[in-house]
């Protein structure tokens, strides 16, 4: 080995392997792609081996590069944590914190965490974007995301809050007066179901479980919507049975406008998680937000 790799070299290598892209890694590190490319060529020359496989359209780690990055991961994370802990002694959170969340999650945060966070940290600004599609938060410039646990990417660090959740079929009493309530999930095939279209364009399938038996039902119906709140409203209007998060239907349930059907087929699932990439420094603003989140949970 001609020269010992620098921390900047190793951090850049880890970012390139994580993103499988010089451009995305460069955006994260605040460098030019050409600078990163030069750094990697120098690193490989100094180590006397190829660490990255490059084509005109992609980049991936060689076996040696993948093994090196795997060993580096915990070291770089520990270093980030150590620096962040020291930095906390000298700096107050400031700047803008960008969080991408589902509409349901954004509403919950606005009623709980956001008021306390902004009052406690007046030098912080919060950019909270709500949307249905699940995005790459790193590629699109967000500090964190908030989704149901089953939607959180496996390479992210998740912080659970808000307890468990569940999806439930709901219907208006007037609708059930016209048609008998379903007793088992397969009975839904004979009902007017209000379907949910995902941002990808696919129709959401209704999932049920009882005593270890899992069922997935592809329902049919004349009405399809792309907003969970509108689905609950449509069910309250007697237009059919909607399958929505119980929290979305909370007000309609409390007013008696809808009731839950197939209640014993609707188990609890992991609730909401705030998640963020674990391979890079956690901004002071995000740490402060997480602290408030844990405190109020």
C-alpha atoms as a PDB file:
ATOM      1  CA  UNK A   1       0.000   0.000   0.000  1.00  0.00           C
ATOM      2  CA  UNK A   2       1.572   3.286  -1.147  1.00  0.00           C
ATOM      3  CA  UNK A   3      -0.367   5.592   1.193  1.00  0.00           C
ATOM      4  CA  UNK A   4      -2.868   5.099   3.984  1.00  0.00           C
ATOM      5  CA  UNK A   5      -6.430   6.019   2.910  1.00  0.00           C
ATOM      6  CA  UNK A   6      -7.824   9.207   4.415  1.00  0.00           C
ATOM      7  CA  UNK A   7     -11.161   9.448   6.220  1.00  0.00           C
ATOM      8  CA  UNK A   8     -12.488  11.513   3.293  1.00  0.00           C
ATOM      9  CA  UNK A   9     -11.508   8.731   0.850  1.00  0.00           C
ATOM     10  CA  UNK A  10     -13.255   6.043   2.907  1.00  0.00           C
ATOM     11  CA  UNK A  11     -16.374   8.146   3.501  1.00  0.00           C
ATOM     12  CA  UNK A  12     -16.609   8.842  -0.238  1.00  0.00           C
ATOM     13  CA  UNK A  13     -16.214   5.147  -1.066  1.00  0.00           C
ATOM     14  CA  UNK A  14     -18.992   4.203   1.376  1.00  0.00           C
ATOM     15  CA  UNK A  15     -21.332   6.823  -0.109  1.00  0.00           C
ATOM     16  CA  UNK A  16     -20.682   5.671  -3.686  1.00  0.00           C
ATOM     17  CA  UNK A  17     -21.351   2.038  -2.793  1.00  0.00           C
ATOM     18  CA  UNK A  18     -24.509   2.969  -0.856  1.00  0.00           C
ATOM     19  CA  UNK A  19     -25.949   5.005  -3.748  1.00  0.00           C
ATOM     20  CA  UNK A  20     -24.433   2.958  -6.595  1.00  0.00           C
ATOM     21  CA  UNK A  21     -23.924   6.336  -8.227  1.00  0.00           C
ATOM     22  CA  UNK A  22     -21.131   8.916  -8.340  1.00  0.00           C
ATOM     23  CA  UNK A  23     -23.650  11.706  -8.903  1.00  0.00           C
ATOM     24  CA  UNK A  24     -25.868  10.890  -5.918  1.00  0.00           C
ATOM     25  CA  UNK A  25     -22.854  10.352  -3.673  1.00  0.00           C
ATOM     26  CA  UNK A  26     -21.424  13.674  -4.831  1.00  0.00           C
ATOM     27  CA  UNK A  27     -24.715  15.437  -4.011  1.00  0.00           C
ATOM     28  CA  UNK A  28     -24.660  13.968  -0.512  1.00  0.00           C
ATOM     29  CA  UNK A  29     -21.038  14.924   0.115  1.00  0.00           C
ATOM     30  CA  UNK A  30     -21.202  18.339  -1.542  1.00  0.00           C
ATOM     31  CA  UNK A  31     -18.554  17.478  -4.147  1.00  0.00           C
ATOM     32  CA  UNK A  32     -18.334  17.278  -7.925  1.00  0.00           C
ATOM     33  CA  UNK A  33     -18.669  13.788  -9.468  1.00  0.00           C
ATOM     34  CA  UNK A  34     -15.349  14.320 -11.242  1.00  0.00           C
ATOM     35  CA  UNK A  35     -13.700  15.005  -7.883  1.00  0.00           C
ATOM     36  CA  UNK A  36     -15.096  11.775  -6.457  1.00  0.00           C
ATOM     37  CA  UNK A  37     -13.940   9.829  -9.500  1.00  0.00           C
ATOM     38  CA  UNK A  38     -10.401  11.203  -9.102  1.00  0.00           C
ATOM     39  CA  UNK A  39     -10.427  10.360  -5.383  1.00  0.00           C
ATOM     40  CA  UNK A  40     -11.426   6.762  -6.111  1.00  0.00           C
ATOM     41  CA  UNK A  41      -8.765   6.321  -8.790  1.00  0.00           C
ATOM     42  CA  UNK A  42      -6.129   7.592  -6.360  1.00  0.00           C
ATOM     43  CA  UNK A  43      -7.466   5.373  -3.559  1.00  0.00           C
ATOM     44  CA  UNK A  44      -7.383   2.275  -5.769  1.00  0.00           C
ATOM     45  CA  UNK A  45      -3.870   3.109  -6.941  1.00  0.00           C
ATOM     46  CA  UNK A  46      -2.640   3.577  -3.390  1.00  0.00           C
ATOM     47  CA  UNK A  47      -4.254   0.326  -2.224  1.00  0.00           C
ATOM     48  CA  UNK A  48      -3.126  -1.576  -5.301  1.00  0.00           C
ATOM     49  CA  UNK A  49      -6.529  -3.054  -6.077  1.00  0.00           C
ATOM     50  CA  UNK A  50      -9.816  -2.244  -7.751  1.00  0.00           C
ATOM     51  CA  UNK A  51     -12.607  -1.342  -5.332  1.00  0.00           C
ATOM     52  CA  UNK A  52     -15.325  -0.301  -7.803  1.00  0.00           C
ATOM     53  CA  UNK A  53     -16.658  -1.738 -11.035  1.00  0.00           C
ATOM     54  CA  UNK A  54     -17.570   1.126 -13.375  1.00  0.00           C
ATOM     55  CA  UNK A  55     -19.619   1.196 -16.550  1.00  0.00           C
ATOM     56  CA  UNK A  56     -21.018   4.148 -18.461  1.00  0.00           C
ATOM     57  CA  UNK A  57     -24.360   3.664 -16.678  1.00  0.00           C
ATOM     58  CA  UNK A  58     -23.634   2.203 -13.251  1.00  0.00           C
ATOM     59  CA  UNK A  59     -21.111   1.646 -10.505  1.00  0.00           C
ATOM     60  CA  UNK A  60     -20.877  -1.211  -8.010  1.00  0.00           C
ATOM     61  CA  UNK A  61     -18.399  -2.523  -5.468  1.00  0.00           C
ATOM     62  CA  UNK A  62     -15.956  -5.278  -6.270  1.00  0.00           C
ATOM     63  CA  UNK A  63     -15.707  -8.103  -3.743  1.00  0.00           C
ATOM     64  CA  UNK A  64     -12.785  -6.303  -2.075  1.00  0.00           C
ATOM     65  CA  UNK A  65     -14.641  -2.984  -2.107  1.00  0.00           C
ATOM     66  CA  UNK A  66     -17.815  -4.514  -0.656  1.00  0.00           C
ATOM     67  CA  UNK A  67     -15.879  -6.189   2.143  1.00  0.00           C
ATOM     68  CA  UNK A  68     -14.060  -2.966   2.975  1.00  0.00           C
ATOM     69  CA  UNK A  69     -17.283  -0.930   3.073  1.00  0.00           C
ATOM     70  CA  UNK A  70     -19.002  -3.571   5.242  1.00  0.00           C
ATOM     71  CA  UNK A  71     -16.219  -3.278   7.813  1.00  0.00           C
ATOM     72  CA  UNK A  72     -16.196   0.520   7.546  1.00  0.00           C
ATOM     73  CA  UNK A  73     -19.933   0.939   8.180  1.00  0.00           C
ATOM     74  CA  UNK A  74     -19.907   0.589  11.989  1.00  0.00           C
ATOM     75  CA  UNK A  75     -16.687   2.611  12.260  1.00  0.00           C
ATOM     76  CA  UNK A  76     -18.081   5.562  10.280  1.00  0.00           C
ATOM     77  CA  UNK A  77     -21.388   5.454  12.178  1.00  0.00           C
ATOM     78  CA  UNK A  78     -19.590   5.469  15.524  1.00  0.00           C
ATOM     79  CA  UNK A  79     -17.444   8.374  14.369  1.00  0.00           C
ATOM     80  CA  UNK A  80     -20.511  10.349  13.284  1.00  0.00           C
ATOM     81  CA  UNK A  81     -22.163   9.697  16.639  1.00  0.00           C
ATOM     82  CA  UNK A  82     -19.047  10.757  18.553  1.00  0.00           C
ATOM     83  CA  UNK A  83     -18.735  14.000  16.582  1.00  0.00           C
ATOM     84  CA  UNK A  84     -22.453  14.715  16.901  1.00  0.00           C
ATOM     85  CA  UNK A  85     -22.348  14.250  20.679  1.00  0.00           C
ATOM     86  CA  UNK A  86     -19.440  16.677  20.971  1.00  0.00           C
ATOM     87  CA  UNK A  87     -21.089  19.155  18.584  1.00  0.00           C
ATOM     88  CA  UNK A  88     -24.208  19.184  20.741  1.00  0.00           C
ATOM     89  CA  UNK A  89     -22.244  20.906  23.495  1.00  0.00           C
ATOM     90  CA  UNK A  90     -21.438  23.944  21.361  1.00  0.00           C
ATOM     91  CA  UNK A  91     -24.335  24.402  18.965  1.00  0.00           C
ATOM     92  CA  UNK A  92     -28.063  24.929  19.120  1.00  0.00           C
ATOM     93  CA  UNK A  93     -30.249  23.417  16.376  1.00  0.00           C
ATOM     94  CA  UNK A  94     -30.759  25.877  13.546  1.00  0.00           C
ATOM     95  CA  UNK A  95     -31.595  25.858   9.854  1.00  0.00           C
ATOM     96  CA  UNK A  96     -34.297  23.896   8.022  1.00  0.00           C
ATOM     97  CA  UNK A  97     -35.364  20.332   8.770  1.00  0.00           C
ATOM     98  CA  UNK A  98     -37.045  18.611   5.784  1.00  0.00           C
ATOM     99  CA  UNK A  99     -39.346  15.665   6.510  1.00  0.00           C
ATOM    100  CA  UNK A 100     -41.405  13.679   4.003  1.00  0.00           C
ATOM    101  CA  UNK A 101     -44.487  11.959   5.440  1.00  0.00           C
ATOM    102  CA  UNK A 102     -47.786  10.418   4.521  1.00  0.00           C
ATOM    103  CA  UNK A 103     -50.748  12.732   5.064  1.00  0.00           C
ATOM    104  CA  UNK A 104     -51.900  10.660   8.043  1.00  0.00           C
ATOM    105  CA  UNK A 105     -48.458  10.926   9.654  1.00  0.00           C
ATOM    106  CA  UNK A 106     -48.182  14.650   8.913  1.00  0.00           C
ATOM    107  CA  UNK A 107     -51.511  15.297  10.626  1.00  0.00           C
ATOM    108  CA  UNK A 108     -50.408  13.369  13.698  1.00  0.00           C
ATOM    109  CA  UNK A 109     -47.111  15.263  13.894  1.00  0.00           C
ATOM    110  CA  UNK A 110     -48.880  18.626  13.560  1.00  0.00           C
ATOM    111  CA  UNK A 111     -51.075  17.805  16.552  1.00  0.00           C
ATOM    112  CA  UNK A 112     -48.262  16.469  18.745  1.00  0.00           C
ATOM    113  CA  UNK A 113     -44.579  16.976  17.982  1.00  0.00           C
ATOM    114  CA  UNK A 114     -44.438  20.042  15.736  1.00  0.00           C
ATOM    115  CA  UNK A 115     -45.779  22.687  18.174  1.00  0.00           C
ATOM    116  CA  UNK A 116     -43.358  21.634  20.933  1.00  0.00           C
ATOM    117  CA  UNK A 117     -40.420  21.316  18.539  1.00  0.00           C
ATOM    118  CA  UNK A 118     -40.855  24.787  17.022  1.00  0.00           C
ATOM    119  CA  UNK A 119     -41.479  26.411  20.407  1.00  0.00           C
ATOM    120  CA  UNK A 120     -38.408  24.798  21.944  1.00  0.00           C
ATOM    121  CA  UNK A 121     -36.098  25.511  18.991  1.00  0.00           C
ATOM    122  CA  UNK A 122     -36.921  28.984  17.619  1.00  0.00           C
ATOM    123  CA  UNK A 123     -33.915  28.960  15.282  1.00  0.00           C
ATOM    124  CA  UNK A 124     -35.294  25.915  13.424  1.00  0.00           C
ATOM    125  CA  UNK A 125     -37.655  25.893  10.440  1.00  0.00           C
ATOM    126  CA  UNK A 126     -39.606  22.780   9.508  1.00  0.00           C
ATOM    127  CA  UNK A 127     -40.414  21.843   5.902  1.00  0.00           C
ATOM    128  CA  UNK A 128     -43.003  19.061   6.254  1.00  0.00           C
ATOM    129  CA  UNK A 129     -44.055  17.587   2.903  1.00  0.00           C
ATOM    130  CA  UNK A 130     -47.010  15.195   2.792  1.00  0.00           C
ATOM    131  CA  UNK A 131     -47.532  12.886  -0.167  1.00  0.00           C
ATOM    132  CA  UNK A 132     -48.761   9.401  -0.895  1.00  0.00           C
ATOM    133  CA  UNK A 133     -45.832   8.028  -2.865  1.00  0.00           C
ATOM    134  CA  UNK A 134     -42.919   6.382  -1.104  1.00  0.00           C
ATOM    135  CA  UNK A 135     -39.762   8.196  -2.189  1.00  0.00           C
ATOM    136  CA  UNK A 136     -35.999   7.926  -1.795  1.00  0.00           C
ATOM    137  CA  UNK A 137     -35.570  10.564   0.925  1.00  0.00           C
ATOM    138  CA  UNK A 138     -31.814  10.865   0.359  1.00  0.00           C
ATOM    139  CA  UNK A 139     -32.077  11.360  -3.406  1.00  0.00           C
ATOM    140  CA  UNK A 140     -34.828  13.955  -2.998  1.00  0.00           C
ATOM    141  CA  UNK A 141     -33.079  15.966  -0.309  1.00  0.00           C
ATOM    142  CA  UNK A 142     -35.030  15.100   2.838  1.00  0.00           C
ATOM    143  CA  UNK A 143     -33.504  14.642   6.279  1.00  0.00           C
ATOM    144  CA  UNK A 144     -36.082  12.046   7.326  1.00  0.00           C
ATOM    145  CA  UNK A 145     -39.288  10.314   6.339  1.00  0.00           C
ATOM    146  CA  UNK A 146     -42.323   9.087   8.267  1.00  0.00           C
ATOM    147  CA  UNK A 147     -44.231   5.983   7.190  1.00  0.00           C
ATOM    148  CA  UNK A 148     -45.823   2.827   8.570  1.00  0.00           C
ATOM    149  CA  UNK A 149     -43.218   0.343   9.753  1.00  0.00           C
ATOM    150  CA  UNK A 150     -43.767  -2.059   6.855  1.00  0.00           C
ATOM    151  CA  UNK A 151     -42.895   0.725   4.388  1.00  0.00           C
ATOM    152  CA  UNK A 152     -39.575   1.780   5.948  1.00  0.00           C
ATOM    153  CA  UNK A 153     -36.568   0.781   3.784  1.00  0.00           C
ATOM    154  CA  UNK A 154     -34.368  -1.819   5.448  1.00  0.00           C
ATOM    155  CA  UNK A 155     -31.209   0.294   5.205  1.00  0.00           C
ATOM    156  CA  UNK A 156     -32.731   3.088   7.306  1.00  0.00           C
ATOM    157  CA  UNK A 157     -32.717   3.702  11.053  1.00  0.00           C
ATOM    158  CA  UNK A 158     -36.285   3.836  12.364  1.00  0.00           C
ATOM    159  CA  UNK A 159     -37.740   5.469  15.471  1.00  0.00           C
ATOM    160  CA  UNK A 160     -41.174   4.117  16.330  1.00  0.00           C
ATOM    161  CA  UNK A 161     -43.856   6.400  17.769  1.00  0.00           C
ATOM    162  CA  UNK A 162     -47.596   6.692  18.156  1.00  0.00           C
ATOM    163  CA  UNK A 163     -48.257   3.081  19.145  1.00  0.00           C
ATOM    164  CA  UNK A 164     -49.685   0.383  16.901  1.00  0.00           C
ATOM    165  CA  UNK A 165     -52.115   0.864  14.043  1.00  0.00           C
ATOM    166  CA  UNK A 166     -54.546  -1.194  12.032  1.00  0.00           C
ATOM    167  CA  UNK A 167     -56.559  -1.057   8.835  1.00  0.00           C
ATOM    168  CA  UNK A 168     -60.297  -1.678   9.207  1.00  0.00           C
ATOM    169  CA  UNK A 169     -63.268  -1.999   6.848  1.00  0.00           C
ATOM    170  CA  UNK A 170     -65.927   0.594   7.686  1.00  0.00           C
ATOM    171  CA  UNK A 171     -69.475   1.073   6.477  1.00  0.00           C
ATOM    172  CA  UNK A 172     -72.418   3.352   7.294  1.00  0.00           C
ATOM    173  CA  UNK A 173     -75.339   1.849   9.282  1.00  0.00           C
ATOM    174  CA  UNK A 174     -77.612   2.890   6.398  1.00  0.00           C
ATOM    175  CA  UNK A 175     -75.543   0.808   3.960  1.00  0.00           C
ATOM    176  CA  UNK A 176     -75.572  -2.214   6.279  1.00  0.00           C
ATOM    177  CA  UNK A 177     -79.356  -1.864   6.629  1.00  0.00           C
ATOM    178  CA  UNK A 178     -79.599  -2.548   2.897  1.00  0.00           C
ATOM    179  CA  UNK A 179     -77.048  -5.368   2.762  1.00  0.00           C
ATOM    180  CA  UNK A 180     -76.028  -7.794   5.511  1.00  0.00           C
ATOM    181  CA  UNK A 181     -72.646  -7.126   7.073  1.00  0.00           C
ATOM    182  CA  UNK A 182     -69.823  -9.437   5.900  1.00  0.00           C
ATOM    183  CA  UNK A 183     -68.976 -12.198   8.377  1.00  0.00           C
ATOM    184  CA  UNK A 184     -65.725 -13.348   6.744  1.00  0.00           C
ATOM    185  CA  UNK A 185     -63.418 -11.527   4.307  1.00  0.00           C
ATOM    186  CA  UNK A 186     -64.653 -13.514   1.302  1.00  0.00           C
ATOM    187  CA  UNK A 187     -68.125 -12.005   1.878  1.00  0.00           C
ATOM    188  CA  UNK A 188     -66.704  -8.683   0.672  1.00  0.00           C
ATOM    189  CA  UNK A 189     -66.888  -9.989  -2.887  1.00  0.00           C
ATOM    190  CA  UNK A 190     -70.641  -9.497  -2.716  1.00  0.00           C
ATOM    191  CA  UNK A 191     -70.416  -5.899  -1.504  1.00  0.00           C
ATOM    192  CA  UNK A 192     -69.849  -2.467  -3.011  1.00  0.00           C
ATOM    193  CA  UNK A 193     -66.281  -1.795  -1.911  1.00  0.00           C
ATOM    194  CA  UNK A 194     -64.608   1.595  -2.169  1.00  0.00           C
ATOM    195  CA  UNK A 195     -61.196   0.852  -3.640  1.00  0.00           C
ATOM    196  CA  UNK A 196     -57.949   2.723  -3.051  1.00  0.00           C
ATOM    197  CA  UNK A 197     -55.567   3.515  -5.905  1.00  0.00           C
ATOM    198  CA  UNK A 198     -51.932   3.778  -4.835  1.00  0.00           C
ATOM    199  CA  UNK A 199     -49.652   6.522  -6.246  1.00  0.00           C
ATOM    200  CA  UNK A 200     -48.041   3.804  -8.383  1.00  0.00           C
ATOM    201  CA  UNK A 201     -51.393   3.270 -10.085  1.00  0.00           C
ATOM    202  CA  UNK A 202     -51.987  -0.165  -8.541  1.00  0.00           C
ATOM    203  CA  UNK A 203     -55.102  -0.955  -6.542  1.00  0.00           C
ATOM    204  CA  UNK A 204     -54.558  -1.610  -2.839  1.00  0.00           C
ATOM    205  CA  UNK A 205     -55.409  -5.149  -1.763  1.00  0.00           C
ATOM    206  CA  UNK A 206     -57.270  -5.711   1.501  1.00  0.00           C
ATOM    207  CA  UNK A 207     -55.362  -7.891   3.981  1.00  0.00           C
ATOM    208  CA  UNK A 208     -56.853  -9.780   6.915  1.00  0.00           C
ATOM    209  CA  UNK A 209     -55.595 -12.160   9.594  1.00  0.00           C
ATOM    210  CA  UNK A 210     -57.195 -14.210  12.372  1.00  0.00           C
ATOM    211  CA  UNK A 211     -55.794 -17.071  14.444  1.00  0.00           C
ATOM    212  CA  UNK A 212     -52.767 -17.273  12.165  1.00  0.00           C
ATOM    213  CA  UNK A 213     -54.863 -17.449   8.997  1.00  0.00           C
ATOM    214  CA  UNK A 214     -53.982 -14.714   6.512  1.00  0.00           C
ATOM    215  CA  UNK A 215     -56.251 -13.678   3.651  1.00  0.00           C
ATOM    216  CA  UNK A 216     -55.809 -11.138   0.864  1.00  0.00           C
ATOM    217  CA  UNK A 217     -58.949 -10.025  -0.964  1.00  0.00           C
ATOM    218  CA  UNK A 218     -59.078  -8.260  -4.330  1.00  0.00           C
ATOM    219  CA  UNK A 219     -62.337  -6.392  -3.867  1.00  0.00           C
ATOM    220  CA  UNK A 220     -64.534  -4.893  -6.550  1.00  0.00           C
ATOM    221  CA  UNK A 221     -66.667  -1.781  -6.580  1.00  0.00           C
ATOM    222  CA  UNK A 222     -67.874   1.098  -8.700  1.00  0.00           C
ATOM    223  CA  UNK A 223     -65.958   3.776  -6.772  1.00  0.00           C
ATOM    224  CA  UNK A 224     -62.154   4.117  -6.671  1.00  0.00           C
ATOM    225  CA  UNK A 225     -60.393   6.939  -4.813  1.00  0.00           C
ATOM    226  CA  UNK A 226     -56.798   7.951  -4.159  1.00  0.00           C
ATOM    227  CA  UNK A 227     -57.248   9.637  -0.765  1.00  0.00           C
ATOM    228  CA  UNK A 228     -57.885   7.786   2.502  1.00  0.00           C
ATOM    229  CA  UNK A 229     -59.843  10.648   4.040  1.00  0.00           C
ATOM    230  CA  UNK A 230     -62.185  10.770   1.049  1.00  0.00           C
ATOM    231  CA  UNK A 231     -62.673   7.010   1.321  1.00  0.00           C
ATOM    232  CA  UNK A 232     -63.839   7.372   4.927  1.00  0.00           C
ATOM    233  CA  UNK A 233     -66.195  10.187   3.885  1.00  0.00           C
ATOM    234  CA  UNK A 234     -67.591   8.084   1.041  1.00  0.00           C
ATOM    235  CA  UNK A 235     -68.260   5.220   3.440  1.00  0.00           C
ATOM    236  CA  UNK A 236     -70.010   7.644   5.819  1.00  0.00           C
ATOM    237  CA  UNK A 237     -72.223   8.692   2.904  1.00  0.00           C
ATOM    238  CA  UNK A 238     -73.342   5.072   2.496  1.00  0.00           C
ATOM    239  CA  UNK A 239     -71.541   4.487  -0.805  1.00  0.00           C
ATOM    240  CA  UNK A 240     -70.001   1.187   0.296  1.00  0.00           C
ATOM    241  CA  UNK A 241     -67.345  -0.381   2.486  1.00  0.00           C
ATOM    242  CA  UNK A 242     -63.951   1.344   2.742  1.00  0.00           C
ATOM    243  CA  UNK A 243     -60.717  -0.151   4.079  1.00  0.00           C
ATOM    244  CA  UNK A 244     -58.778   2.592   5.854  1.00  0.00           C
ATOM    245  CA  UNK A 245     -56.490   3.159   8.860  1.00  0.00           C
ATOM    246  CA  UNK A 246     -58.607   3.191  12.000  1.00  0.00           C
ATOM    247  CA  UNK A 247     -57.219   6.603  12.902  1.00  0.00           C
ATOM    248  CA  UNK A 248     -58.458   8.016   9.582  1.00  0.00           C
ATOM    249  CA  UNK A 249     -61.989   6.914  10.437  1.00  0.00           C
ATOM    250  CA  UNK A 250     -61.786   8.029  14.093  1.00  0.00           C
ATOM    251  CA  UNK A 251     -64.141  11.032  13.851  1.00  0.00           C
ATOM    252  CA  UNK A 252     -66.684   9.199  11.699  1.00  0.00           C
ATOM    253  CA  UNK A 253     -66.652   6.299  14.173  1.00  0.00           C
ATOM    254  CA  UNK A 254     -67.084   8.632  17.144  1.00  0.00           C
ATOM    255  CA  UNK A 255     -70.087  10.305  15.474  1.00  0.00           C
ATOM    256  CA  UNK A 256     -71.686   6.964  14.666  1.00  0.00           C
ATOM    257  CA  UNK A 257     -71.526   7.703  10.944  1.00  0.00           C
ATOM    258  CA  UNK A 258     -69.717   4.408  10.286  1.00  0.00           C
ATOM    259  CA  UNK A 259     -69.042   1.162  12.115  1.00  0.00           C
ATOM    260  CA  UNK A 260     -66.238  -1.364  11.774  1.00  0.00           C
ATOM    261  CA  UNK A 261     -67.026  -4.677  10.109  1.00  0.00           C
ATOM    262  CA  UNK A 262     -64.869  -7.819  10.295  1.00  0.00           C
ATOM    263  CA  UNK A 263     -63.329  -6.358  13.459  1.00  0.00           C
ATOM    264  CA  UNK A 264     -61.832  -9.670  14.607  1.00  0.00           C
ATOM    265  CA  UNK A 265     -60.050 -10.037  11.243  1.00  0.00           C
ATOM    266  CA  UNK A 266     -58.118  -6.760  11.679  1.00  0.00           C
ATOM    267  CA  UNK A 267     -54.967  -7.253  13.797  1.00  0.00           C
ATOM    268  CA  UNK A 268     -52.704  -4.531  15.096  1.00  0.00           C
ATOM    269  CA  UNK A 269     -49.650  -3.755  12.953  1.00  0.00           C
ATOM    270  CA  UNK A 270     -46.468  -1.755  13.709  1.00  0.00           C
ATOM    271  CA  UNK A 271     -47.394   1.903  13.650  1.00  0.00           C
ATOM    272  CA  UNK A 272     -45.528   4.919  12.396  1.00  0.00           C
ATOM    273  CA  UNK A 273     -41.759   5.252  12.236  1.00  0.00           C
ATOM    274  CA  UNK A 274     -39.595   8.278  11.647  1.00  0.00           C
ATOM    275  CA  UNK A 275     -36.655   7.017   9.604  1.00  0.00           C
ATOM    276  CA  UNK A 276     -33.368   8.437   8.351  1.00  0.00           C
ATOM    277  CA  UNK A 277     -30.166   7.182   6.697  1.00  0.00           C
ATOM    278  CA  UNK A 278     -27.711   5.623   9.097  1.00  0.00           C
ATOM    279  CA  UNK A 279     -24.587   6.074   6.988  1.00  0.00           C
ATOM    280  CA  UNK A 280     -24.230   9.813   7.415  1.00  0.00           C
ATOM    281  CA  UNK A 281     -24.137  12.492  10.122  1.00  0.00           C
ATOM    282  CA  UNK A 282     -27.461  13.146  11.846  1.00  0.00           C
ATOM    283  CA  UNK A 283     -28.148  16.914  11.783  1.00  0.00           C
ATOM    284  CA  UNK A 284     -28.665  18.642  15.118  1.00  0.00           C
ATOM    285  CA  UNK A 285     -32.176  19.664  14.063  1.00  0.00           C
ATOM    286  CA  UNK A 286     -33.167  16.073  13.357  1.00  0.00           C
ATOM    287  CA  UNK A 287     -31.716  14.923  16.670  1.00  0.00           C
ATOM    288  CA  UNK A 288     -33.751  17.607  18.421  1.00  0.00           C
ATOM    289  CA  UNK A 289     -36.917  16.538  16.570  1.00  0.00           C
ATOM    290  CA  UNK A 290     -36.351  12.891  17.531  1.00  0.00           C
ATOM    291  CA  UNK A 291     -35.852  13.889  21.172  1.00  0.00           C
ATOM    292  CA  UNK A 292     -39.224  15.679  21.193  1.00  0.00           C
ATOM    293  CA  UNK A 293     -40.821  12.726  19.399  1.00  0.00           C
ATOM    294  CA  UNK A 294     -39.603  10.284  22.057  1.00  0.00           C
ATOM    295  CA  UNK A 295     -40.523  12.634  24.895  1.00  0.00           C
ATOM    296  CA  UNK A 296     -44.132  13.040  23.774  1.00  0.00           C
ATOM    297  CA  UNK A 297     -44.735   9.475  22.625  1.00  0.00           C
END
